[in-house]
Amino acid sequence: MNFNLYLENELSQQLQALSHSTDKSQNALIREAIQLLITTKEQSQWSSTILNFQGVSDGIIFEAYRKELSPPREDEVI
């Protein structure tokens, strides 16, 4: 598949520099970047176990202890 890609000047210059330093074509670097983005996004999805978690019915309700907390201490300025 072919398509046009427009880059800001700074990003274009960075891509050119990377292309020269790695001896890879700009197209190859763009393909690698897209593949990395797709792979990263796929891996960052929560598993169905986490998504379907309903909580623990007999767990401690931490908010119930909020009244017992001391107010935050004022930091001393020296």
N, C-alpha and C. Protein backbone atom coordinates (compact mmCIF):
# COMPACT_ATOMS: atom_id res chain seq x y z
N MET A 1 0.84 -1.16 0.00
CA MET A 1 0.00 0.00 0.00
C MET A 1 0.90 1.24 0.00
N ASN A 2 0.55 2.18 -0.80
CA ASN A 2 1.29 3.44 -0.87
C ASN A 2 0.40 4.57 -0.41
N PHE A 3 0.98 5.52 0.31
CA PHE A 3 0.26 6.73 0.68
C PHE A 3 1.26 7.83 0.97
N ASN A 4 0.77 9.07 0.96
CA ASN A 4 1.62 10.22 1.25
C ASN A 4 1.57 10.52 2.73
N LEU A 5 2.71 10.93 3.25
CA LEU A 5 2.82 11.25 4.67
C LEU A 5 3.48 12.62 4.77
N TYR A 6 2.84 13.52 5.47
CA TYR A 6 3.39 14.86 5.64
C TYR A 6 3.91 14.99 7.06
N LEU A 7 5.18 15.39 7.19
CA LEU A 7 5.83 15.54 8.49
C LEU A 7 6.25 16.99 8.68
N GLU A 8 6.21 17.43 9.93
CA GLU A 8 6.73 18.76 10.24
C GLU A 8 8.24 18.74 9.97
N ASN A 9 8.81 19.90 9.73
CA ASN A 9 10.22 20.00 9.36
C ASN A 9 11.14 19.33 10.38
N GLU A 10 10.92 19.61 11.66
CA GLU A 10 11.81 19.06 12.69
C GLU A 10 11.75 17.53 12.71
N LEU A 11 10.54 16.98 12.62
CA LEU A 11 10.40 15.53 12.61
C LEU A 11 11.02 14.93 11.35
N SER A 12 10.87 15.61 10.23
CA SER A 12 11.46 15.16 8.98
C SER A 12 12.99 15.13 9.07
N GLN A 13 13.57 16.16 9.68
CA GLN A 13 15.02 16.21 9.84
C GLN A 13 15.51 15.11 10.78
N GLN A 14 14.75 14.84 11.83
CA GLN A 14 15.12 13.77 12.75
C GLN A 14 15.06 12.42 12.05
N LEU A 15 14.04 12.23 11.21
CA LEU A 15 13.92 10.98 10.46
C LEU A 15 15.08 10.82 9.48
N GLN A 16 15.46 11.90 8.81
CA GLN A 16 16.59 11.84 7.88
C GLN A 16 17.87 11.50 8.62
N ALA A 17 18.10 12.11 9.76
CA ALA A 17 19.31 11.84 10.54
C ALA A 17 19.35 10.39 11.00
N LEU A 18 18.21 9.88 11.45
CA LEU A 18 18.15 8.49 11.89
C LEU A 18 18.37 7.55 10.71
N SER A 19 17.83 7.92 9.56
CA SER A 19 18.02 7.11 8.36
C SER A 19 19.50 7.01 8.00
N HIS A 20 20.21 8.12 8.09
CA HIS A 20 21.64 8.11 7.77
C HIS A 20 22.44 7.34 8.82
N SER A 21 22.11 7.53 10.08
CA SER A 21 22.91 6.89 11.14
C SER A 21 22.67 5.38 11.24
N THR A 22 21.50 4.93 10.82
CA THR A 22 21.19 3.49 10.89
C THR A 22 21.36 2.80 9.55
N ASP A 23 21.59 3.58 8.50
CA ASP A 23 21.71 3.05 7.14
C ASP A 23 20.44 2.30 6.73
N LYS A 24 19.31 2.80 7.18
CA LYS A 24 18.00 2.26 6.78
C LYS A 24 17.25 3.35 6.04
N SER A 25 16.38 2.93 5.13
CA SER A 25 15.59 3.92 4.40
C SER A 25 14.56 4.53 5.33
N GLN A 26 14.11 5.71 4.97
CA GLN A 26 13.07 6.37 5.76
C GLN A 26 11.80 5.53 5.77
N ASN A 27 11.49 4.91 4.65
CA ASN A 27 10.30 4.04 4.58
C ASN A 27 10.43 2.87 5.55
N ALA A 28 11.62 2.28 5.63
CA ALA A 28 11.83 1.16 6.55
C ALA A 28 11.65 1.61 7.99
N LEU A 29 12.16 2.79 8.32
CA LEU A 29 12.03 3.31 9.68
C LEU A 29 10.56 3.60 10.02
N ILE A 30 9.83 4.15 9.08
CA ILE A 30 8.41 4.43 9.30
C ILE A 30 7.64 3.13 9.49
N ARG A 31 7.96 2.11 8.68
CA ARG A 31 7.29 0.80 8.86
C ARG A 31 7.58 0.23 10.24
N GLU A 32 8.86 0.32 10.68
CA GLU A 32 9.22 -0.18 12.01
C GLU A 32 8.47 0.57 13.10
N ALA A 33 8.36 1.88 12.95
CA ALA A 33 7.67 2.70 13.96
C ALA A 33 6.19 2.33 14.04
N ILE A 34 5.56 2.13 12.89
CA ILE A 34 4.14 1.76 12.88
C ILE A 34 3.96 0.38 13.51
N GLN A 35 4.84 -0.56 13.16
CA GLN A 35 4.74 -1.90 13.74
C GLN A 35 4.94 -1.87 15.25
N LEU A 36 5.89 -1.07 15.71
CA LEU A 36 6.13 -0.94 17.15
C LEU A 36 4.91 -0.34 17.85
N LEU A 37 4.31 0.67 17.25
CA LEU A 37 3.11 1.28 17.83
C LEU A 37 1.98 0.27 17.93
N ILE A 38 1.75 -0.48 16.88
CA ILE A 38 0.67 -1.47 16.88
C ILE A 38 0.94 -2.55 17.92
N THR A 39 2.16 -3.06 17.97
CA THR A 39 2.52 -4.10 18.94
C THR A 39 2.37 -3.59 20.36
N THR A 40 2.82 -2.37 20.61
CA THR A 40 2.73 -1.78 21.95
C THR A 40 1.27 -1.60 22.36
N LYS A 41 0.45 -1.12 21.46
CA LYS A 41 -0.96 -0.91 21.76
C LYS A 41 -1.66 -2.23 22.04
N GLU A 42 -1.33 -3.27 21.29
CA GLU A 42 -1.95 -4.58 21.50
C GLU A 42 -1.56 -5.15 22.85
N GLN A 43 -0.30 -4.95 23.25
CA GLN A 43 0.18 -5.50 24.52
C GLN A 43 -0.33 -4.71 25.71
N SER A 44 -0.71 -3.46 25.51
CA SER A 44 -1.12 -2.63 26.64
C SER A 44 -2.58 -2.81 27.00
N GLN A 45 -3.29 -3.67 26.29
CA GLN A 45 -4.68 -3.92 26.61
C GLN A 45 -4.79 -4.76 27.87
N TRP A 46 -5.73 -4.43 28.73
CA TRP A 46 -5.95 -5.21 29.94
C TRP A 46 -6.50 -6.58 29.56
N SER A 47 -6.09 -7.59 30.32
CA SER A 47 -6.60 -8.93 30.06
C SER A 47 -8.07 -9.01 30.46
N SER A 48 -8.77 -10.00 29.95
CA SER A 48 -10.19 -10.16 30.26
C SER A 48 -10.39 -10.42 31.75
N THR A 49 -9.41 -11.05 32.41
CA THR A 49 -9.51 -11.29 33.85
C THR A 49 -9.62 -9.97 34.60
N ILE A 50 -8.80 -9.01 34.22
CA ILE A 50 -8.82 -7.70 34.88
C ILE A 50 -10.10 -6.95 34.50
N LEU A 51 -10.44 -6.97 33.22
CA LEU A 51 -11.62 -6.23 32.77
C LEU A 51 -12.90 -6.75 33.40
N ASN A 52 -12.97 -8.04 33.69
CA ASN A 52 -14.19 -8.64 34.24
C ASN A 52 -14.19 -8.71 35.76
N PHE A 53 -13.14 -8.20 36.41
CA PHE A 53 -13.05 -8.28 37.87
C PHE A 53 -14.17 -7.47 38.51
N GLN A 54 -14.89 -8.07 39.44
CA GLN A 54 -16.02 -7.42 40.09
C GLN A 54 -15.72 -6.96 41.51
N GLY A 55 -14.50 -7.16 41.94
CA GLY A 55 -14.13 -6.76 43.29
C GLY A 55 -14.22 -7.93 44.25
N VAL A 56 -13.86 -7.67 45.50
CA VAL A 56 -13.90 -8.69 46.53
C VAL A 56 -15.01 -8.31 47.49
N SER A 57 -15.99 -9.17 47.63
CA SER A 57 -17.16 -8.82 48.44
C SER A 57 -16.83 -8.68 49.92
N ASP A 58 -15.88 -9.45 50.44
CA ASP A 58 -15.58 -9.37 51.87
C ASP A 58 -14.30 -8.57 52.14
N GLY A 59 -13.93 -7.72 51.19
CA GLY A 59 -12.72 -6.91 51.35
C GLY A 59 -12.95 -5.73 52.29
N ILE A 60 -11.87 -5.12 52.72
CA ILE A 60 -11.92 -3.96 53.61
C ILE A 60 -12.32 -2.74 52.80
N ILE A 61 -13.23 -1.96 53.32
CA ILE A 61 -13.63 -0.70 52.69
C ILE A 61 -12.76 0.39 53.32
N PHE A 62 -11.72 0.76 52.61
CA PHE A 62 -10.74 1.69 53.15
C PHE A 62 -11.33 3.07 53.44
N GLU A 63 -12.32 3.46 52.67
CA GLU A 63 -12.93 4.77 52.88
C GLU A 63 -13.56 4.88 54.28
N ALA A 64 -13.94 3.75 54.88
CA ALA A 64 -14.55 3.77 56.21
C ALA A 64 -13.55 4.24 57.26
N TYR A 65 -12.27 4.14 57.00
CA TYR A 65 -11.25 4.54 57.96
C TYR A 65 -10.78 5.99 57.75
N ARG A 66 -11.34 6.66 56.78
CA ARG A 66 -10.91 8.01 56.44
C ARG A 66 -11.05 8.97 57.63
N LYS A 67 -12.11 8.82 58.43
CA LYS A 67 -12.34 9.72 59.56
C LYS A 67 -11.26 9.57 60.62
N GLU A 68 -10.59 8.43 60.68
CA GLU A 68 -9.56 8.19 61.68
C GLU A 68 -8.21 8.79 61.30
N LEU A 69 -8.08 9.26 60.10
CA LEU A 69 -6.81 9.81 59.65
C LEU A 69 -6.56 11.18 60.25
N SER A 70 -5.32 11.45 60.52
CA SER A 70 -4.93 12.78 60.99
C SER A 70 -4.84 13.71 59.79
N PRO A 71 -5.12 14.99 60.00
CA PRO A 71 -4.99 15.91 58.87
C PRO A 71 -3.53 16.02 58.44
N PRO A 72 -3.28 16.38 57.20
CA PRO A 72 -1.89 16.50 56.74
C PRO A 72 -1.14 17.56 57.53
N ARG A 73 0.12 17.29 57.76
CA ARG A 73 0.97 18.21 58.52
C ARG A 73 1.46 19.32 57.60
N GLU A 74 1.51 20.52 58.13
CA GLU A 74 2.03 21.65 57.37
C GLU A 74 3.55 21.52 57.28
N ASP A 75 4.11 21.66 56.10
CA ASP A 75 5.57 21.63 55.95
C ASP A 75 6.16 22.92 56.50
N GLU A 76 7.25 22.77 57.22
CA GLU A 76 7.91 23.94 57.77
C GLU A 76 8.77 24.59 56.70
N VAL A 77 8.70 25.89 56.61
CA VAL A 77 9.53 26.65 55.67
C VAL A 77 10.71 27.20 56.45
N ILE A 78 11.88 26.91 55.97
CA ILE A 78 13.11 27.35 56.68
C ILE A 78 13.70 28.55 55.99
